[in-house]
C-alpha atoms as a PDB file:
ATOM      1  CA  MET A   1    -184.183 -63.463 -20.217  1.00  0.00           C
ATOM      2  CA  LEU A   2    -182.462 -60.591 -18.534  1.00  0.00           C
ATOM      3  CA  ALA A   3    -185.229 -60.051 -16.128  1.00  0.00           C
ATOM      4  CA  PRO A   4    -184.394 -62.358 -13.732  1.00  0.00           C
ATOM      5  CA  SER A   5    -181.048 -61.139 -13.253  1.00  0.00           C
ATOM      6  CA  LEU A   6    -182.209 -57.662 -12.963  1.00  0.00           C
ATOM      7  CA  CYS A   7    -184.733 -58.483 -10.578  1.00  0.00           C
ATOM      8  CA  GLY A   8    -182.362 -60.136  -8.466  1.00  0.00           C
ATOM      9  CA  ASP A   9    -179.605 -57.511  -8.526  1.00  0.00           C
ATOM     10  CA  LEU A  10    -182.264 -55.134  -7.734  1.00  0.00           C
ATOM     11  CA  HIS A  11    -183.535 -56.855  -4.674  1.00  0.00           C
ATOM     12  CA  LEU A  12    -179.965 -57.247  -3.464  1.00  0.00           C
ATOM     13  CA  ARG A  13    -179.139 -53.748  -3.822  1.00  0.00           C
ATOM     14  CA  LEU A  14    -182.242 -52.445  -2.480  1.00  0.00           C
ATOM     15  CA  ARG A  15    -181.936 -54.597   0.550  1.00  0.00           C
ATOM     16  CA  LEU A  16    -178.373 -53.603   1.056  1.00  0.00           C
ATOM     17  CA  CYS A  17    -179.511 -49.934   1.074  1.00  0.00           C
ATOM     18  CA  GLY A  18    -181.964 -50.267   3.102  1.00  0.00           C
ATOM     19  CA  TRP A  19    -179.846 -52.295   5.545  1.00  0.00           C
ATOM     20  CA  THR A  20    -177.192 -49.573   5.547  1.00  0.00           C
ATOM     21  CA  VAL A  21    -180.137 -46.970   6.479  1.00  0.00           C
ATOM     22  CA  TRP A  22    -181.050 -48.841   9.286  1.00  0.00           C
ATOM     23  CA  ILE A  23    -177.671 -49.135  10.304  1.00  0.00           C
ATOM     24  CA  SER A  24    -177.160 -45.515  10.295  1.00  0.00           C
ATOM     25  CA  LEU A  25    -179.835 -45.078  12.265  1.00  0.00           C
ATOM     26  CA  SER A  26    -178.890 -47.639  15.244  1.00  0.00           C
ATOM     27  CA  ASN A  27    -176.218 -47.275  17.768  1.00  0.00           C
ATOM     28  CA  SER A  28    -173.364 -49.245  15.947  1.00  0.00           C
ATOM     29  CA  THR A  29    -169.853 -48.716  15.915  1.00  0.00           C
ATOM     30  CA  LEU A  30    -167.324 -50.710  14.435  1.00  0.00           C
ATOM     31  CA  LEU A  31    -169.826 -54.063  14.702  1.00  0.00           C
ATOM     32  CA  PRO A  32    -173.451 -53.705  13.755  1.00  0.00           C
ATOM     33  CA  SER A  33    -175.872 -52.898  16.895  1.00  0.00           C
ATOM     34  CA  TYR A  34    -179.318 -52.827  15.871  1.00  0.00           C
ATOM     35  CA  HIS A  35    -180.560 -50.587  19.033  1.00  0.00           C
ATOM     36  CA  PHE A  36    -182.782 -47.616  17.261  1.00  0.00           C
ATOM     37  CA  VAL A  37    -181.402 -44.377  18.122  1.00  0.00           C
ATOM     38  CA  GLY A  38    -182.901 -42.400  15.210  1.00  0.00           C
ATOM     39  CA  PHE A  39    -180.812 -39.299  13.906  1.00  0.00           C
ATOM     40  CA  GLU A  40    -179.296 -38.414  16.868  1.00  0.00           C
ATOM     41  CA  HIS A  41    -175.924 -39.366  14.989  1.00  0.00           C
ATOM     42  CA  TYR A  42    -177.221 -37.131  12.162  1.00  0.00           C
ATOM     43  CA  ALA A  43    -177.817 -33.995  14.199  1.00  0.00           C
ATOM     44  CA  ALA A  44    -174.556 -34.704  16.197  1.00  0.00           C
ATOM     45  CA  LEU A  45    -172.492 -34.785  12.605  1.00  0.00           C
ATOM     46  CA  TRP A  46    -174.539 -31.508  11.767  1.00  0.00           C
ATOM     47  CA  HIS A  47    -173.466 -29.976  14.528  1.00  0.00           C
ATOM     48  CA  ASN A  48    -169.681 -30.780  14.421  1.00  0.00           C
ATOM     49  CA  ARG A  49    -167.359 -28.197  13.479  1.00  0.00           C
ATOM     50  CA  ARG A  50    -164.832 -30.291  11.208  1.00  0.00           C
ATOM     51  CA  TRP A  51    -167.788 -31.956   9.376  1.00  0.00           C
ATOM     52  CA  ASN A  52    -169.049 -28.030   8.229  1.00  0.00           C
ATOM     53  CA  ILE A  53    -165.645 -27.085   7.183  1.00  0.00           C
ATOM     54  CA  ALA A  54    -165.112 -30.621   5.271  1.00  0.00           C
ATOM     55  CA  TYR A  55    -168.880 -29.960   3.768  1.00  0.00           C
ATOM     56  CA  THR A  56    -168.422 -26.316   2.895  1.00  0.00           C
ATOM     57  CA  ASN A  57    -164.987 -27.272   1.182  1.00  0.00           C
ATOM     58  CA  LEU A  58    -166.177 -29.975  -0.710  1.00  0.00           C
ATOM     59  CA  PHE A  59    -168.877 -28.000  -2.035  1.00  0.00           C
ATOM     60  CA  LEU A  60    -166.756 -24.949  -2.614  1.00  0.00           C
ATOM     61  CA  PHE A  61    -163.714 -26.529  -4.093  1.00  0.00           C
ATOM     62  CA  GLY A  62    -165.965 -28.797  -6.274  1.00  0.00           C
ATOM     63  CA  GLY A  63    -168.088 -25.881  -7.821  1.00  0.00           C
ATOM     64  CA  LEU A  64    -164.787 -24.258  -8.519  1.00  0.00           C
ATOM     65  CA  TYR A  65    -163.713 -27.107 -10.407  1.00  0.00           C
ATOM     66  CA  VAL A  66    -166.600 -27.701 -12.342  1.00  0.00           C
ATOM     67  CA  VAL A  67    -166.734 -23.850 -13.238  1.00  0.00           C
ATOM     68  CA  GLY A  68    -163.159 -23.436 -13.849  1.00  0.00           C
ATOM     69  CA  SER A  69    -162.811 -26.647 -16.151  1.00  0.00           C
ATOM     70  CA  MET A  70    -165.584 -25.292 -18.096  1.00  0.00           C
ATOM     71  CA  ILE A  71    -163.977 -21.609 -18.557  1.00  0.00           C
ATOM     72  CA  ILE A  72    -160.287 -23.500 -19.235  1.00  0.00           C
ATOM     73  CA  GLY A  73    -162.229 -25.824 -21.667  1.00  0.00           C
ATOM     74  CA  LEU A  74    -164.116 -23.203 -23.643  1.00  0.00           C
ATOM     75  CA  LEU A  75    -161.277 -20.667 -23.874  1.00  0.00           C
ATOM     76  CA  PRO A  76    -159.946 -22.444 -26.506  1.00  0.00           C
ATOM     77  CA  ARG A  77    -162.877 -22.670 -28.627  1.00  0.00           C
ATOM     78  CA  HIS A  78    -163.557 -18.664 -28.635  1.00  0.00           C
ATOM     79  CA  PRO A  79    -163.719 -17.522 -32.217  1.00  0.00           C
ATOM     80  CA  ASP A  80    -161.702 -15.050 -32.040  1.00  0.00           C
ATOM     81  CA  ARG A  81    -158.747 -16.642 -30.379  1.00  0.00           C
ATOM     82  CA  PRO A  82    -155.255 -16.962 -32.633  1.00  0.00           C
ATOM     83  CA  ALA A  83    -154.169 -19.857 -34.100  1.00  0.00           C
ATOM     84  CA  VAL A  84    -152.191 -22.479 -32.013  1.00  0.00           C
ATOM     85  CA  ARG A  85    -149.004 -23.684 -33.020  1.00  0.00           C
ATOM     86  CA  GLY A  86    -148.625 -27.497 -33.239  1.00  0.00           C
ATOM     87  CA  GLU A  87    -152.467 -27.933 -32.561  1.00  0.00           C
ATOM     88  CA  ALA A  88    -153.267 -30.935 -34.919  1.00  0.00           C
ATOM     89  CA  VAL A  89    -149.958 -32.614 -33.236  1.00  0.00           C
ATOM     90  CA  TRP A  90    -151.709 -31.891 -29.470  1.00  0.00           C
ATOM     91  CA  ARG A  91    -154.945 -33.137 -31.045  1.00  0.00           C
ATOM     92  CA  THR A  92    -153.389 -36.466 -32.426  1.00  0.00           C
ATOM     93  CA  ILE A  93    -151.788 -37.070 -28.923  1.00  0.00           C
ATOM     94  CA  TYR A  94    -155.163 -36.481 -26.866  1.00  0.00           C
ATOM     95  CA  LEU A  95    -157.340 -38.677 -29.548  1.00  0.00           C
ATOM     96  CA  TYR A  96    -154.789 -41.252 -30.422  1.00  0.00           C
ATOM     97  CA  PRO A  97    -155.365 -43.079 -27.141  1.00  0.00           C
ATOM     98  CA  LEU A  98    -159.261 -42.980 -27.644  1.00  0.00           C
ATOM     99  CA  ALA A  99    -159.103 -44.299 -31.177  1.00  0.00           C
ATOM    100  CA  VAL A 100    -156.857 -46.978 -30.237  1.00  0.00           C
ATOM    101  CA  SER A 101    -158.813 -48.279 -27.746  1.00  0.00           C
ATOM    102  CA  PHE A 102    -161.715 -48.913 -30.241  1.00  0.00           C
ATOM    103  CA  VAL A 103    -159.492 -50.453 -32.680  1.00  0.00           C
ATOM    104  CA  VAL A 104    -158.202 -52.932 -29.659  1.00  0.00           C
ATOM    105  CA  THR A 105    -161.584 -53.663 -28.424  1.00  0.00           C
ATOM    106  CA  GLY A 106    -162.817 -54.449 -31.767  1.00  0.00           C
ATOM    107  CA  THR A 107    -159.476 -56.651 -32.510  1.00  0.00           C
ATOM    108  CA  VAL A 108    -160.127 -58.684 -29.372  1.00  0.00           C
ATOM    109  CA  TRP A 109    -163.900 -59.190 -30.093  1.00  0.00           C
ATOM    110  CA  ARG A 110    -163.019 -60.454 -33.651  1.00  0.00           C
ATOM    111  CA  TRP A 111    -160.401 -63.012 -31.949  1.00  0.00           C
ATOM    112  CA  LEU A 112    -162.846 -64.086 -29.377  1.00  0.00           C
ATOM    113  CA  PHE A 113    -165.331 -64.749 -32.143  1.00  0.00           C
ATOM    114  CA  ASN A 114    -163.103 -66.535 -34.604  1.00  0.00           C
ATOM    115  CA  PRO A 115    -163.778 -69.993 -35.163  1.00  0.00           C
ATOM    116  CA  THR A 116    -160.430 -71.093 -35.671  1.00  0.00           C
ATOM    117  CA  THR A 117    -158.400 -69.459 -32.744  1.00  0.00           C
ATOM    118  CA  GLY A 118    -160.963 -67.796 -30.346  1.00  0.00           C
ATOM    119  CA  ILE A 119    -163.683 -69.274 -27.923  1.00  0.00           C
ATOM    120  CA  GLU A 120    -165.175 -72.162 -30.302  1.00  0.00           C
ATOM    121  CA  PHE A 121    -161.500 -73.460 -30.956  1.00  0.00           C
ATOM    122  CA  ILE A 122    -160.721 -73.488 -27.377  1.00  0.00           C
ATOM    123  CA  VAL A 123    -164.025 -75.436 -26.258  1.00  0.00           C
ATOM    124  CA  ARG A 124    -163.854 -77.588 -29.350  1.00  0.00           C
ATOM    125  CA  GLY A 125    -160.051 -78.667 -27.811  1.00  0.00           C
ATOM    126  CA  LEU A 126    -161.451 -79.468 -24.490  1.00  0.00           C
ATOM    127  CA  GLY A 127    -163.503 -82.177 -25.887  1.00  0.00           C
ATOM    128  CA  TRP A 128    -166.782 -80.595 -26.841  1.00  0.00           C
ATOM    129  CA  THR A 129    -166.678 -81.486 -30.530  1.00  0.00           C
ATOM    130  CA  ASP A 130    -170.087 -80.340 -31.706  1.00  0.00           C
ATOM    131  CA  PHE A 131    -169.815 -76.520 -29.931  1.00  0.00           C
ATOM    132  CA  LYS A 132    -170.998 -73.967 -32.281  1.00  0.00           C
ATOM    133  CA  LEU A 133    -170.648 -70.475 -31.081  1.00  0.00           C
ATOM    134  CA  ARG A 134    -174.173 -68.708 -32.243  1.00  0.00           C
ATOM    135  CA  LEU A 135    -173.873 -65.201 -32.524  1.00  0.00           C
ATOM    136  CA  ASP A 136    -177.513 -64.357 -33.465  1.00  0.00           C
ATOM    137  CA  HIS A 137    -180.711 -64.954 -31.231  1.00  0.00           C
ATOM    138  CA  PRO A 138    -182.635 -68.428 -31.386  1.00  0.00           C
ATOM    139  CA  SER A 139    -186.105 -66.407 -32.055  1.00  0.00           C
ATOM    140  CA  ARG A 140    -185.096 -64.661 -35.033  1.00  0.00           C
ATOM    141  CA  HIS A 141    -185.037 -67.859 -37.187  1.00  0.00           C
END
């Protein structure tokens, strides 16, 4: 049942990716031009000093950010660390939004599937009195 949608989505994505690669190998600027120039633009890009600086900065700062974040994140878990004052409060402050999001999501789904206030109620109110929201798959009966 999901296969046609996935096939269509995959086809569209692959087609758009292919078109993007083709345009990148053409003489396009603002509007598409289909005059093929090969890897000429890529060669010019790699010989550009600004691009090399930007590329180096990206990997340098990206790598330092990842390594630094891991070190900072692992420091509090060191076994010899002293007890942090108010640690339970800080855990609550950081974890409360995560827990609340699950509760809110569950509550919204419960409202949506409630036959007296949710989707079924709205559709019946629009005039389709025989509408029944079926949550199980028909092949399971």
